[in-house]
PDB file of N, CA and C in Angstrom:
ATOM      1  N   MET A   1       0.861  -1.180   0.000  1.00  0.00           N
ATOM      2  CA  MET A   1       0.000   0.000   0.000  1.00  0.00           C
ATOM      3  C   MET A   1       0.899   1.232   0.000  1.00  0.00           C
ATOM      4  N   SER A   2       0.612   2.160  -0.887  1.00  0.00           N
ATOM      5  CA  SER A   2       1.415   3.378  -0.959  1.00  0.00           C
ATOM      6  C   SER A   2       1.151   4.254   0.265  1.00  0.00           C
ATOM      7  N   HIS A   3       2.074   5.154   0.520  1.00  0.00           N
ATOM      8  CA  HIS A   3       1.931   6.078   1.652  1.00  0.00           C
ATOM      9  C   HIS A   3       0.657   6.899   1.513  1.00  0.00           C
ATOM     10  N   SER A   4       0.340   7.305   0.291  1.00  0.00           N
ATOM     11  CA  SER A   4      -0.861   8.105   0.045  1.00  0.00           C
ATOM     12  C   SER A   4      -2.122   7.328   0.409  1.00  0.00           C
ATOM     13  N   ASN A   5      -2.192   6.065  -0.021  1.00  0.00           N
ATOM     14  CA  ASN A   5      -3.356   5.239   0.300  1.00  0.00           C
ATOM     15  C   ASN A   5      -3.445   4.977   1.795  1.00  0.00           C
ATOM     16  N   ASP A   6      -2.307   4.770   2.433  1.00  0.00           N
ATOM     17  CA  ASP A   6      -2.273   4.549   3.873  1.00  0.00           C
ATOM     18  C   ASP A   6      -2.821   5.767   4.604  1.00  0.00           C
ATOM     19  N   ALA A   7      -2.413   6.942   4.182  1.00  0.00           N
ATOM     20  CA  ALA A   7      -2.885   8.177   4.803  1.00  0.00           C
ATOM     21  C   ALA A   7      -4.394   8.354   4.587  1.00  0.00           C
ATOM     22  N   LYS A   8      -4.872   8.019   3.396  1.00  0.00           N
ATOM     23  CA  LYS A   8      -6.307   8.134   3.115  1.00  0.00           C
ATOM     24  C   LYS A   8      -7.106   7.172   3.979  1.00  0.00           C
ATOM     25  N   LEU A   9      -6.604   5.954   4.149  1.00  0.00           N
ATOM     26  CA  LEU A   9      -7.295   4.969   4.973  1.00  0.00           C
ATOM     27  C   LEU A   9      -7.314   5.401   6.431  1.00  0.00           C
ATOM     28  N   ARG A  10      -6.200   5.885   6.925  1.00  0.00           N
ATOM     29  CA  ARG A  10      -6.155   6.372   8.311  1.00  0.00           C
ATOM     30  C   ARG A  10      -7.136   7.527   8.514  1.00  0.00           C
ATOM     31  N   ASP A  11      -7.205   8.433   7.555  1.00  0.00           N
ATOM     32  CA  ASP A  11      -8.138   9.557   7.646  1.00  0.00           C
ATOM     33  C   ASP A  11      -9.578   9.064   7.675  1.00  0.00           C
ATOM     34  N   LEU A  12      -9.898   8.092   6.820  1.00  0.00           N
ATOM     35  CA  LEU A  12     -11.238   7.529   6.789  1.00  0.00           C
ATOM     36  C   LEU A  12     -11.593   6.925   8.150  1.00  0.00           C
ATOM     37  N   LEU A  13     -10.675   6.151   8.713  1.00  0.00           N
ATOM     38  CA  LEU A  13     -10.939   5.508  10.001  1.00  0.00           C
ATOM     39  C   LEU A  13     -11.096   6.526  11.125  1.00  0.00           C
ATOM     40  N   ARG A  14     -10.338   7.593  11.075  1.00  0.00           N
ATOM     41  CA  ARG A  14     -10.454   8.641  12.099  1.00  0.00           C
ATOM     42  C   ARG A  14     -11.796   9.368  12.018  1.00  0.00           C
ATOM     43  N   ARG A  15     -12.375   9.413  10.825  1.00  0.00           N
ATOM     44  CA  ARG A  15     -13.630  10.138  10.629  1.00  0.00           C
ATOM     45  C   ARG A  15     -14.874   9.269  10.808  1.00  0.00           C
ATOM     46  N   LEU A  16     -14.696   7.993  11.164  1.00  0.00           N
ATOM     47  CA  LEU A  16     -15.869   7.128  11.334  1.00  0.00           C
ATOM     48  C   LEU A  16     -16.814   7.728  12.374  1.00  0.00           C
ATOM     49  N   PRO A  17     -18.086   7.751  12.065  1.00  0.00           N
ATOM     50  CA  PRO A  17     -19.055   8.271  13.031  1.00  0.00           C
ATOM     51  C   PRO A  17     -19.116   7.388  14.277  1.00  0.00           C
ATOM     52  N   ASP A  18     -19.469   7.997  15.400  1.00  0.00           N
ATOM     53  CA  ASP A  18     -19.568   7.255  16.656  1.00  0.00           C
ATOM     54  C   ASP A  18     -20.542   6.091  16.555  1.00  0.00           C
ATOM     55  N   TRP A  19     -21.678   6.303  15.858  1.00  0.00           N
ATOM     56  CA  TRP A  19     -22.660   5.216  15.766  1.00  0.00           C
ATOM     57  C   TRP A  19     -22.056   4.001  15.082  1.00  0.00           C
ATOM     58  N   MET A  20     -21.188   4.250  14.086  1.00  0.00           N
ATOM     59  CA  MET A  20     -20.598   3.144  13.350  1.00  0.00           C
ATOM     60  C   MET A  20     -19.597   2.398  14.229  1.00  0.00           C
ATOM     61  N   ARG A  21     -18.799   3.128  14.969  1.00  0.00           N
ATOM     62  CA  ARG A  21     -17.834   2.496  15.870  1.00  0.00           C
ATOM     63  C   ARG A  21     -18.545   1.613  16.894  1.00  0.00           C
ATOM     64  N   LYS A  22     -19.614   2.145  17.469  1.00  0.00           N
ATOM     65  CA  LYS A  22     -20.372   1.394  18.476  1.00  0.00           C
ATOM     66  C   LYS A  22     -21.051   0.178  17.860  1.00  0.00           C
ATOM     67  N   ASP A  23     -21.618   0.359  16.679  1.00  0.00           N
ATOM     68  CA  ASP A  23     -22.335  -0.737  16.037  1.00  0.00           C
ATOM     69  C   ASP A  23     -21.393  -1.829  15.535  1.00  0.00           C
ATOM     70  N   LEU A  24     -20.179  -1.469  15.136  1.00  0.00           N
ATOM     71  CA  LEU A  24     -19.214  -2.483  14.717  1.00  0.00           C
ATOM     72  C   LEU A  24     -18.836  -3.402  15.886  1.00  0.00           C
ATOM     73  N   ALA A  25     -18.895  -2.866  17.098  1.00  0.00           N
ATOM     74  CA  ALA A  25     -18.562  -3.645  18.295  1.00  0.00           C
ATOM     75  C   ALA A  25     -19.798  -4.253  18.957  1.00  0.00           C
ATOM     76  N   SER A  26     -20.951  -4.039  18.389  1.00  0.00           N
ATOM     77  CA  SER A  26     -22.205  -4.490  18.990  1.00  0.00           C
ATOM     78  C   SER A  26     -22.359  -6.007  18.925  1.00  0.00           C
ATOM     79  N   SER A  27     -23.031  -6.549  19.923  1.00  0.00           N
ATOM     80  CA  SER A  27     -23.362  -7.974  19.886  1.00  0.00           C
ATOM     81  C   SER A  27     -24.662  -8.206  19.106  1.00  0.00           C
ATOM     82  N   ASP A  28     -25.368  -7.128  18.782  1.00  0.00           N
ATOM     83  CA  ASP A  28     -26.593  -7.204  17.983  1.00  0.00           C
ATOM     84  C   ASP A  28     -26.189  -7.388  16.513  1.00  0.00           C
ATOM     85  N   VAL A  29     -26.525  -8.526  15.961  1.00  0.00           N
ATOM     86  CA  VAL A  29     -26.103  -8.881  14.596  1.00  0.00           C
ATOM     87  C   VAL A  29     -26.595  -7.859  13.570  1.00  0.00           C
ATOM     88  N   THR A  30     -27.826  -7.418  13.688  1.00  0.00           N
ATOM     89  CA  THR A  30     -28.386  -6.470  12.717  1.00  0.00           C
ATOM     90  C   THR A  30     -27.636  -5.147  12.744  1.00  0.00           C
ATOM     91  N   ARG A  31     -27.348  -4.643  13.932  1.00  0.00           N
ATOM     92  CA  ARG A  31     -26.613  -3.378  14.045  1.00  0.00           C
ATOM     93  C   ARG A  31     -25.200  -3.526  13.497  1.00  0.00           C
ATOM     94  N   ARG A  32     -24.555  -4.639  13.828  1.00  0.00           N
ATOM     95  CA  ARG A  32     -23.194  -4.860  13.357  1.00  0.00           C
ATOM     96  C   ARG A  32     -23.155  -4.980  11.832  1.00  0.00           C
ATOM     97  N   GLU A  33     -24.094  -5.703  11.238  1.00  0.00           N
ATOM     98  CA  GLU A  33     -24.130  -5.846   9.786  1.00  0.00           C
ATOM     99  C   GLU A  33     -24.392  -4.511   9.098  1.00  0.00           C
ATOM    100  N   ARG A  34     -25.252  -3.686   9.674  1.00  0.00           N
ATOM    101  CA  ARG A  34     -25.521  -2.360   9.102  1.00  0.00           C
ATOM    102  C   ARG A  34     -24.239  -1.540   9.085  1.00  0.00           C
ATOM    103  N   ALA A  35     -23.489  -1.574  10.183  1.00  0.00           N
ATOM    104  CA  ALA A  35     -22.238  -0.818  10.258  1.00  0.00           C
ATOM    105  C   ALA A  35     -21.198  -1.395   9.300  1.00  0.00           C
ATOM    106  N   GLU A  36     -21.140  -2.716   9.197  1.00  0.00           N
ATOM    107  CA  GLU A  36     -20.202  -3.343   8.260  1.00  0.00           C
ATOM    108  C   GLU A  36     -20.524  -2.962   6.822  1.00  0.00           C
ATOM    109  N   ASP A  37     -21.795  -2.934   6.490  1.00  0.00           N
ATOM    110  CA  ASP A  37     -22.202  -2.549   5.133  1.00  0.00           C
ATOM    111  C   ASP A  37     -21.829  -1.095   4.847  1.00  0.00           C
ATOM    112  N   ALA A  38     -22.046  -0.223   5.817  1.00  0.00           N
ATOM    113  CA  ALA A  38     -21.703   1.188   5.634  1.00  0.00           C
ATOM    114  C   ALA A  38     -20.191   1.358   5.477  1.00  0.00           C
ATOM    115  N   LEU A  39     -19.422   0.650   6.291  1.00  0.00           N
ATOM    116  CA  LEU A  39     -17.963   0.726   6.184  1.00  0.00           C
ATOM    117  C   LEU A  39     -17.495   0.161   4.837  1.00  0.00           C
ATOM    118  N   HIS A  40     -18.121  -0.890   4.385  1.00  0.00           N
ATOM    119  CA  HIS A  40     -17.795  -1.492   3.085  1.00  0.00           C
ATOM    120  C   HIS A  40     -17.952  -0.462   1.963  1.00  0.00           C
ATOM    121  N   VAL A  41     -19.049   0.263   1.977  1.00  0.00           N
ATOM    122  CA  VAL A  41     -19.290   1.289   0.953  1.00  0.00           C
ATOM    123  C   VAL A  41     -18.229   2.387   1.035  1.00  0.00           C
ATOM    124  N   MET A  42     -17.896   2.799   2.248  1.00  0.00           N
ATOM    125  CA  MET A  42     -16.876   3.833   2.417  1.00  0.00           C
ATOM    126  C   MET A  42     -15.523   3.358   1.888  1.00  0.00           C
ATOM    127  N   LEU A  43     -15.164   2.118   2.169  1.00  0.00           N
ATOM    128  CA  LEU A  43     -13.886   1.581   1.701  1.00  0.00           C
ATOM    129  C   LEU A  43     -13.864   1.419   0.181  1.00  0.00           C
ATOM    130  N   LEU A  44     -14.968   0.952  -0.391  1.00  0.00           N
ATOM    131  CA  LEU A  44     -15.035   0.840  -1.849  1.00  0.00           C
ATOM    132  C   LEU A  44     -14.850   2.199  -2.514  1.00  0.00           C
ATOM    133  N   SER A  45     -15.487   3.192  -1.968  1.00  0.00           N
ATOM    134  CA  SER A  45     -15.358   4.542  -2.512  1.00  0.00           C
ATOM    135  C   SER A  45     -13.914   5.019  -2.435  1.00  0.00           C
ATOM    136  N   LEU A  46     -13.268   4.757  -1.317  1.00  0.00           N
ATOM    137  CA  LEU A  46     -11.869   5.140  -1.154  1.00  0.00           C
ATOM    138  C   LEU A  46     -10.989   4.426  -2.175  1.00  0.00           C
ATOM    139  N   LEU A  47     -11.220   3.133  -2.364  1.00  0.00           N
ATOM    140  CA  LEU A  47     -10.438   2.366  -3.329  1.00  0.00           C
ATOM    141  C   LEU A  47     -10.667   2.851  -4.757  1.00  0.00           C
ATOM    142  N   GLU A  48     -11.907   3.162  -5.095  1.00  0.00           N
ATOM    143  CA  GLU A  48     -12.208   3.634  -6.446  1.00  0.00           C
ATOM    144  C   GLU A  48     -11.552   4.972  -6.718  1.00  0.00           C
ATOM    145  N   ARG A  49     -11.566   5.853  -5.732  1.00  0.00           N
ATOM    146  CA  ARG A  49     -10.905   7.150  -5.899  1.00  0.00           C
ATOM    147  C   ARG A  49      -9.403   6.960  -6.027  1.00  0.00           C
ATOM    148  N   GLY A  50      -8.864   5.996  -5.270  1.00  0.00           N
ATOM    149  CA  GLY A  50      -7.423   5.706  -5.325  1.00  0.00           C
ATOM    150  C   GLY A  50      -7.012   5.163  -6.669  1.00  0.00           C
ATOM    151  N   ALA A  51      -7.883   4.383  -7.285  1.00  0.00           N
ATOM    152  CA  ALA A  51      -7.584   3.808  -8.596  1.00  0.00           C
ATOM    153  C   ALA A  51      -7.525   4.874  -9.671  1.00  0.00           C
ATOM    154  N   ASP A  52      -8.249   5.970  -9.473  1.00  0.00           N
ATOM    155  CA  ASP A  52      -8.252   7.064 -10.438  1.00  0.00           C
ATOM    156  C   ASP A  52      -7.037   7.966 -10.286  1.00  0.00           C
ATOM    157  N   SER A  53      -6.352   7.857  -9.137  1.00  0.00           N
ATOM    158  CA  SER A  53      -5.179   8.701  -8.895  1.00  0.00           C
ATOM    159  C   SER A  53      -3.978   8.134  -9.622  1.00  0.00           C
ATOM    160  N   PRO A  54      -3.065   9.019 -10.036  1.00  0.00           N
ATOM    161  CA  PRO A  54      -1.849   8.536 -10.717  1.00  0.00           C
ATOM    162  C   PRO A  54      -0.942   7.785  -9.775  1.00  0.00           C
TER     163      PRO A  54
END
């Protein structure tokens, strides 16, 4: 992973909303899956933007 991608990923993780952090750690399967799906979309977007970068 390039330094640029690493920095983008760290920034994304730092900006995660509190609800997502709590739900990712939840024992409630539905809440955890909702947070996982939201994080998945955020990561895909980050990867797609990274692919467009030189």
